[in-house]
């Protein structure tokens, strides 16, 4: 037992004792397995919270409840491609991370790539990899994003910005599940779930021949549409307090309260930049706040800035008008 035995039985053996010992051992193994699973989930969840604190999915509105339900549903599949649509700043990457974190791929890489940020000339090298000497700047061998994300999830943000030529190459990989590094002929099998996102209407782009129809239907097997913040103002309170707590802790402040006027000004604002804009607004407000309460003077909304600028311009015009009058009299 000291060396790790789970149970023991003495001679002479009795059949029912053997059965009981086997049953006890089975329960012990199941308990250990469940404990390890719980520990893995705990450590993974703790790591996710540590890495993405302040970026959690918050919302009880019907629109967000529907989006989160779809997220949970598609996470149970293993290879289904997902297309996340919505305006900039609505949290498309966050939803992609959420799908990955509750799927069977959660212990494998999640790789996020902004398609629009990759130069056309480097597309194949970035996604497929290359061998040393394949081109002028290829000083070392390099794995592409599909290899790096193998067994995990590859998130392609702003997929609508991909060129037609590269769309064809992406479609081939999705269908054949193999990549070929630049400068080689060897096929490398890859097992990757593709989640893509866009703030454009790809359906209209297909009609205008700006996006491949076959790739569009391959990517939109499962669509999740995220609503803009102005259409789910009931979620604003939870988001406000979440960002307030996050930035207070980050900046080592003790801000605990929000006055009604602060909240009311935000409720009357449309948030063209959505949740990302709200996050930036709250960060600035926490920086400006020296007490424990957020107040309207800590807000820097565009309409307030425009109003202030307008007042300054009006005052300047009044000064100039007075100056002109004086000059005319003289």
Protein backbone atom coordinates (compact mmCIF):
# COMPACT_ATOMS: atom_id res chain seq x y z
CA UNK A 1 0.00 0.00 0.00
CA UNK A 2 2.90 2.35 0.78
CA UNK A 3 4.25 1.73 -2.71
CA UNK A 4 0.96 2.82 -4.30
CA UNK A 5 -1.39 -0.19 -4.24
CA UNK A 6 -5.03 0.86 -4.14
CA UNK A 7 -6.42 -2.20 -2.34
CA UNK A 8 -5.53 -5.76 -1.33
CA UNK A 9 -7.24 -9.07 -0.65
CA UNK A 10 -6.00 -11.98 1.45
CA UNK A 11 -5.80 -15.67 0.68
CA UNK A 12 -7.82 -17.73 0.35
CA UNK A 13 -9.65 -15.61 -2.22
CA UNK A 14 -13.40 -15.34 -2.11
CA UNK A 15 -15.23 -14.40 -5.28
CA UNK A 16 -17.35 -11.66 -3.71
CA UNK A 17 -14.25 -10.11 -2.08
CA UNK A 18 -12.56 -9.93 -5.47
CA UNK A 19 -15.68 -8.30 -6.92
CA UNK A 20 -15.76 -5.73 -4.09
CA UNK A 21 -12.03 -5.00 -4.48
CA UNK A 22 -12.47 -4.46 -8.24
CA UNK A 23 -15.44 -2.17 -7.61
CA UNK A 24 -13.50 -0.13 -5.02
CA UNK A 25 -10.57 0.17 -7.44
CA UNK A 26 -12.85 1.24 -10.28
CA UNK A 27 -14.39 3.97 -8.11
CA UNK A 28 -10.94 5.07 -7.01
CA UNK A 29 -9.73 5.33 -10.62
CA UNK A 30 -12.86 7.26 -11.63
CA UNK A 31 -12.41 9.64 -8.70
CA UNK A 32 -8.77 10.29 -9.56
CA UNK A 33 -9.63 10.83 -13.23
CA UNK A 34 -12.43 13.25 -12.36
CA UNK A 35 -10.18 15.08 -9.93
CA UNK A 36 -7.47 15.49 -12.56
CA UNK A 37 -10.05 16.71 -15.08
CA UNK A 38 -11.36 19.25 -12.58
CA UNK A 39 -7.81 20.38 -11.79
CA UNK A 40 -7.04 20.81 -15.49
CA UNK A 41 -10.22 22.80 -15.99
CA UNK A 42 -9.51 24.91 -12.93
CA UNK A 43 -5.95 25.71 -13.99
CA UNK A 44 -7.07 26.41 -17.55
CA UNK A 45 -9.92 28.66 -16.40
CA UNK A 46 -7.61 30.45 -13.99
CA UNK A 47 -5.10 31.03 -16.77
CA UNK A 48 -7.81 32.32 -19.10
CA UNK A 49 -9.08 34.73 -16.45
CA UNK A 50 -5.56 35.92 -15.75
CA UNK A 51 -4.82 36.49 -19.43
CA UNK A 52 -8.16 37.99 -20.41
CA UNK A 53 -9.42 39.64 -17.23
CA UNK A 54 -11.54 42.57 -18.23
CA UNK A 55 -12.30 40.99 -21.59
CA UNK A 56 -14.94 38.49 -20.47
CA UNK A 57 -18.24 38.07 -22.30
CA UNK A 58 -20.78 40.07 -20.32
CA UNK A 59 -24.43 40.39 -21.23
CA UNK A 60 -27.89 39.24 -20.18
CA UNK A 61 -29.71 40.82 -23.12
CA UNK A 62 -31.68 38.48 -25.41
CA UNK A 63 -29.29 39.19 -28.30
CA UNK A 64 -26.21 38.25 -26.29
CA UNK A 65 -27.97 35.26 -24.72
CA UNK A 66 -28.65 33.95 -28.22
CA UNK A 67 -25.03 34.55 -29.30
CA UNK A 68 -23.65 32.76 -26.23
CA UNK A 69 -26.06 29.85 -26.72
CA UNK A 70 -24.84 29.44 -30.30
CA UNK A 71 -21.25 29.68 -29.08
CA UNK A 72 -21.83 26.88 -26.58
CA UNK A 73 -23.58 24.72 -29.18
CA UNK A 74 -20.94 24.93 -31.90
CA UNK A 75 -18.14 24.39 -29.36
CA UNK A 76 -19.36 20.81 -28.97
CA UNK A 77 -18.43 20.09 -32.59
CA UNK A 78 -14.82 19.50 -33.54
CA UNK A 79 -14.22 20.77 -37.07
CA UNK A 80 -17.23 22.94 -37.95
CA UNK A 81 -16.11 26.24 -39.45
CA UNK A 82 -17.61 29.31 -37.79
CA UNK A 83 -18.17 32.80 -39.20
CA UNK A 84 -18.60 35.56 -36.62
CA UNK A 85 -20.13 38.77 -37.95
CA UNK A 86 -20.66 42.13 -36.34
CA UNK A 87 -19.40 45.69 -36.22
CA UNK A 88 -15.86 46.50 -35.12
CA UNK A 89 -15.45 46.34 -31.37
CA UNK A 90 -18.35 43.98 -30.65
CA UNK A 91 -16.08 41.21 -29.34
CA UNK A 92 -15.70 38.81 -32.24
CA UNK A 93 -12.29 37.52 -31.14
CA UNK A 94 -13.60 37.09 -27.60
CA UNK A 95 -16.37 34.83 -28.88
CA UNK A 96 -13.83 32.87 -30.93
CA UNK A 97 -11.70 32.39 -27.81
CA UNK A 98 -14.81 31.34 -25.92
CA UNK A 99 -15.64 28.65 -28.49
CA UNK A 100 -12.07 27.37 -28.31
CA UNK A 101 -11.90 27.40 -24.50
CA UNK A 102 -14.98 25.19 -24.02
CA UNK A 103 -14.26 22.83 -26.92
CA UNK A 104 -12.23 19.63 -26.97
CA UNK A 105 -9.41 21.64 -28.55
CA UNK A 106 -9.00 23.84 -25.47
CA UNK A 107 -5.63 22.35 -24.47
CA UNK A 108 -4.19 23.07 -27.90
CA UNK A 109 -3.16 26.40 -29.46
CA UNK A 110 -5.53 29.26 -30.19
CA UNK A 111 -3.91 31.43 -32.86
CA UNK A 112 -5.36 34.79 -33.84
CA UNK A 113 -4.34 36.32 -37.17
CA UNK A 114 -5.45 39.67 -38.55
CA UNK A 115 -5.63 38.97 -42.27
CA UNK A 116 -5.55 42.65 -43.24
CA UNK A 117 -2.24 43.16 -41.42
CA UNK A 118 -0.35 40.57 -43.52
CA UNK A 119 1.27 41.92 -46.70
CA UNK A 120 0.18 40.11 -49.85
CA UNK A 121 3.77 39.13 -50.61
CA UNK A 122 4.12 37.36 -47.25
CA UNK A 123 0.75 35.61 -47.19
CA UNK A 124 1.95 32.14 -48.18
CA UNK A 125 4.98 32.28 -45.90
CA UNK A 126 2.85 33.38 -42.94
CA UNK A 127 0.12 30.79 -43.39
CA UNK A 128 1.95 27.84 -44.97
CA UNK A 129 5.52 28.37 -43.75
CA UNK A 130 8.72 28.15 -45.78
CA UNK A 131 12.03 26.34 -45.88
CA UNK A 132 15.37 28.08 -45.44
CA UNK A 133 16.44 29.84 -48.61
CA UNK A 134 13.00 29.66 -50.24
CA UNK A 135 13.24 33.39 -50.99
CA UNK A 136 15.60 36.29 -50.30
CA UNK A 137 14.71 36.94 -46.65
CA UNK A 138 14.10 33.30 -45.72
CA UNK A 139 17.14 32.94 -43.46
CA UNK A 140 15.63 30.16 -41.35
CA UNK A 141 13.00 27.49 -41.70
CA UNK A 142 9.57 28.66 -40.56
CA UNK A 143 6.28 26.96 -39.75
CA UNK A 144 3.10 28.67 -40.92
CA UNK A 145 0.00 29.47 -38.88
CA UNK A 146 -1.74 26.25 -39.92
CA UNK A 147 1.10 24.16 -38.51
CA UNK A 148 1.38 26.29 -35.38
CA UNK A 149 -2.36 25.94 -34.71
CA UNK A 150 -2.40 22.20 -35.43
CA UNK A 151 -4.98 20.37 -33.24
CA UNK A 152 -6.23 23.76 -32.09
CA UNK A 153 -8.11 26.76 -33.48
CA UNK A 154 -7.03 29.32 -36.09
CA UNK A 155 -8.96 32.60 -35.86
CA UNK A 156 -8.88 34.64 -39.07
CA UNK A 157 -9.98 38.18 -38.31
CA UNK A 158 -11.10 40.52 -41.12
CA UNK A 159 -11.37 37.57 -43.52
CA UNK A 160 -13.08 39.84 -46.07
CA UNK A 161 -9.72 41.58 -46.67
CA UNK A 162 -8.15 38.43 -48.14
CA UNK A 163 -7.29 38.63 -51.84
CA UNK A 164 -9.14 36.42 -54.33
CA UNK A 165 -5.98 34.45 -55.11
CA UNK A 166 -5.33 33.70 -51.46
CA UNK A 167 -8.98 32.82 -50.93
CA UNK A 168 -8.53 29.98 -53.43
CA UNK A 169 -5.49 28.69 -51.54
CA UNK A 170 -7.33 28.86 -48.22
CA UNK A 171 -10.23 26.92 -49.72
CA UNK A 172 -7.86 24.20 -50.89
CA UNK A 173 -6.44 23.78 -47.39
CA UNK A 174 -9.89 23.63 -45.85
CA UNK A 175 -10.87 20.88 -48.26
CA UNK A 176 -7.64 18.86 -48.34
CA UNK A 177 -6.39 19.49 -44.78
CA UNK A 178 -2.76 19.70 -45.89
CA UNK A 179 -0.27 22.55 -46.34
CA UNK A 180 2.89 22.79 -48.44
CA UNK A 181 5.65 25.07 -47.20
CA UNK A 182 7.02 27.59 -49.67
CA UNK A 183 10.07 26.08 -51.38
CA UNK A 184 9.05 22.44 -50.82
CA UNK A 185 6.71 19.86 -52.31
CA UNK A 186 6.01 17.92 -49.13
CA UNK A 187 2.41 17.84 -47.93
CA UNK A 188 1.98 18.40 -44.18
CA UNK A 189 -1.34 17.21 -42.67
CA UNK A 190 -3.03 19.76 -40.40
CA UNK A 191 -6.02 19.43 -38.11
CA UNK A 192 -7.31 22.91 -37.43
CA UNK A 193 -10.71 24.41 -36.72
CA UNK A 194 -11.17 27.67 -38.65
CA UNK A 195 -13.11 30.51 -37.06
CA UNK A 196 -13.28 33.64 -39.17
CA UNK A 197 -14.70 37.08 -38.51
CA UNK A 198 -15.72 40.12 -40.50
CA UNK A 199 -17.47 43.46 -40.09
CA UNK A 200 -18.42 43.44 -43.78
CA UNK A 201 -21.45 41.94 -45.53
CA UNK A 202 -19.68 39.09 -47.33
CA UNK A 203 -22.93 38.08 -49.03
CA UNK A 204 -22.94 41.39 -50.89
CA UNK A 205 -19.22 41.03 -51.61
CA UNK A 206 -19.98 37.67 -53.24
CA UNK A 207 -22.62 39.32 -55.43
CA UNK A 208 -20.05 41.93 -56.50
CA UNK A 209 -17.47 39.20 -57.23
CA UNK A 210 -15.24 40.54 -54.45
CA UNK A 211 -15.29 37.30 -52.45
CA UNK A 212 -15.33 33.69 -53.62
CA UNK A 213 -18.76 32.14 -53.32
CA UNK A 214 -17.40 28.62 -52.68
CA UNK A 215 -15.19 29.86 -49.84
CA UNK A 216 -18.05 31.88 -48.37
CA UNK A 217 -20.26 28.79 -48.15
CA UNK A 218 -17.33 26.84 -46.70
CA UNK A 219 -16.75 29.44 -43.97
CA UNK A 220 -20.34 30.17 -43.00
CA UNK A 221 -21.31 26.64 -41.99
CA UNK A 222 -22.23 28.15 -38.64
CA UNK A 223 -22.83 31.90 -38.26
CA UNK A 224 -22.84 33.91 -35.03
CA UNK A 225 -23.90 37.54 -35.40
CA UNK A 226 -22.92 39.89 -32.58
CA UNK A 227 -25.18 42.88 -31.88
CA UNK A 228 -23.74 46.40 -31.51
CA UNK A 229 -23.67 47.84 -28.00
CA UNK A 230 -26.34 50.44 -28.85
CA UNK A 231 -28.79 47.57 -29.38
CA UNK A 232 -28.11 46.02 -25.98
CA UNK A 233 -27.92 48.94 -23.57
CA UNK A 234 -29.29 46.68 -20.81
CA UNK A 235 -25.81 45.12 -20.69
CA UNK A 236 -24.14 48.48 -20.04
CA UNK A 237 -24.28 48.30 -16.23
CA UNK A 238 -22.46 44.97 -16.06
CA UNK A 239 -19.84 46.12 -18.56
CA UNK A 240 -19.28 49.40 -16.69
CA UNK A 241 -18.61 47.75 -13.35
CA UNK A 242 -16.48 45.02 -14.93
CA UNK A 243 -14.18 47.55 -16.63
CA UNK A 244 -14.17 49.77 -13.54
CA UNK A 245 -12.98 46.88 -11.36
CA UNK A 246 -10.44 45.72 -13.94
CA UNK A 247 -8.78 49.11 -14.43
CA UNK A 248 -8.98 49.98 -10.73
CA UNK A 249 -7.06 46.84 -9.87
CA UNK A 250 -4.63 47.35 -12.74
CA UNK A 251 -3.90 50.94 -11.69
CA UNK A 252 -4.02 50.12 -7.96
CA UNK A 253 -6.93 52.44 -7.27
CA UNK A 254 -9.96 51.95 -4.99
CA UNK A 255 -12.80 53.12 -7.23
CA UNK A 256 -16.05 51.48 -6.13
CA UNK A 257 -18.91 53.78 -7.16
CA UNK A 258 -20.47 55.38 -10.23
CA UNK A 259 -22.80 58.37 -9.88
CA UNK A 260 -26.10 58.26 -11.83
CA UNK A 261 -25.12 61.18 -14.11
CA UNK A 262 -22.04 59.26 -15.28
CA UNK A 263 -24.23 56.28 -16.13
CA UNK A 264 -26.94 58.43 -17.76
CA UNK A 265 -24.46 60.13 -20.11
CA UNK A 266 -23.23 56.76 -21.31
CA UNK A 267 -26.79 55.48 -21.73
CA UNK A 268 -27.53 58.36 -24.10
CA UNK A 269 -24.41 57.65 -26.18
CA UNK A 270 -24.52 55.39 -29.27
CA UNK A 271 -21.01 53.85 -29.00
CA UNK A 272 -19.98 53.66 -32.67
CA UNK A 273 -16.87 51.80 -31.46
CA UNK A 274 -18.98 49.38 -29.39
CA UNK A 275 -17.53 47.53 -26.37
CA UNK A 276 -13.96 48.34 -27.38
CA UNK A 277 -14.80 52.05 -27.25
CA UNK A 278 -16.50 51.65 -23.87
CA UNK A 279 -13.39 49.92 -22.55
CA UNK A 280 -11.20 52.83 -23.69
CA UNK A 281 -13.63 55.36 -22.20
CA UNK A 282 -13.56 53.56 -18.86
CA UNK A 283 -9.78 53.30 -18.87
CA UNK A 284 -9.47 57.06 -19.32
CA UNK A 285 -12.13 57.72 -16.67
CA UNK A 286 -10.30 55.58 -14.12
CA UNK A 287 -7.03 57.39 -14.92
CA UNK A 288 -8.69 60.78 -14.30
CA UNK A 289 -10.48 59.70 -11.12
CA UNK A 290 -8.56 60.50 -7.92
CA UNK A 291 -11.26 59.41 -5.49
CA UNK A 292 -13.47 56.35 -5.15
CA UNK A 293 -16.31 57.52 -7.42
CA UNK A 294 -16.59 58.01 -11.18
CA UNK A 295 -18.31 61.27 -12.14
CA UNK A 296 -19.33 62.96 -15.43
CA UNK A 297 -16.19 65.12 -15.47
CA UNK A 298 -14.17 61.92 -15.88
CA UNK A 299 -15.91 61.16 -19.18
CA UNK A 300 -14.46 62.13 -22.55
CA UNK A 301 -17.25 61.39 -25.02
CA UNK A 302 -16.98 62.75 -28.59
CA UNK A 303 -20.16 64.83 -28.32
CA UNK A 304 -18.80 66.50 -25.16
CA UNK A 305 -15.50 67.20 -26.89
CA UNK A 306 -17.34 68.61 -29.93
CA UNK A 307 -19.44 70.80 -27.63
CA UNK A 308 -16.31 72.10 -25.89
CA UNK A 309 -14.60 72.72 -29.25
CA UNK A 310 -17.70 74.53 -30.51
CA UNK A 311 -17.72 76.77 -27.44
CA UNK A 312 -14.04 77.56 -27.93
CA UNK A 313 -14.61 78.39 -31.62
CA UNK A 314 -17.60 80.56 -30.75
CA UNK A 315 -15.56 82.46 -28.15
CA UNK A 316 -12.74 82.91 -30.66
CA UNK A 317 -15.16 84.25 -33.26
CA UNK A 318 -16.56 86.69 -30.72
CA UNK A 319 -13.03 87.88 -29.95
CA UNK A 320 -12.24 88.26 -33.66
CA UNK A 321 -15.53 90.11 -34.27
CA UNK A 322 -14.69 92.55 -31.50
CA UNK A 323 -11.21 93.02 -32.92
CA UNK A 324 -12.62 93.75 -36.41
CA UNK A 325 -15.02 96.31 -34.96
CA UNK A 326 -12.18 98.09 -33.17
CA UNK A 327 -10.06 98.13 -36.36
CA UNK A 328 -12.95 99.51 -38.42
CA UNK A 329 -13.54 102.32 -35.93
CA UNK A 330 -9.90 103.28 -36.07
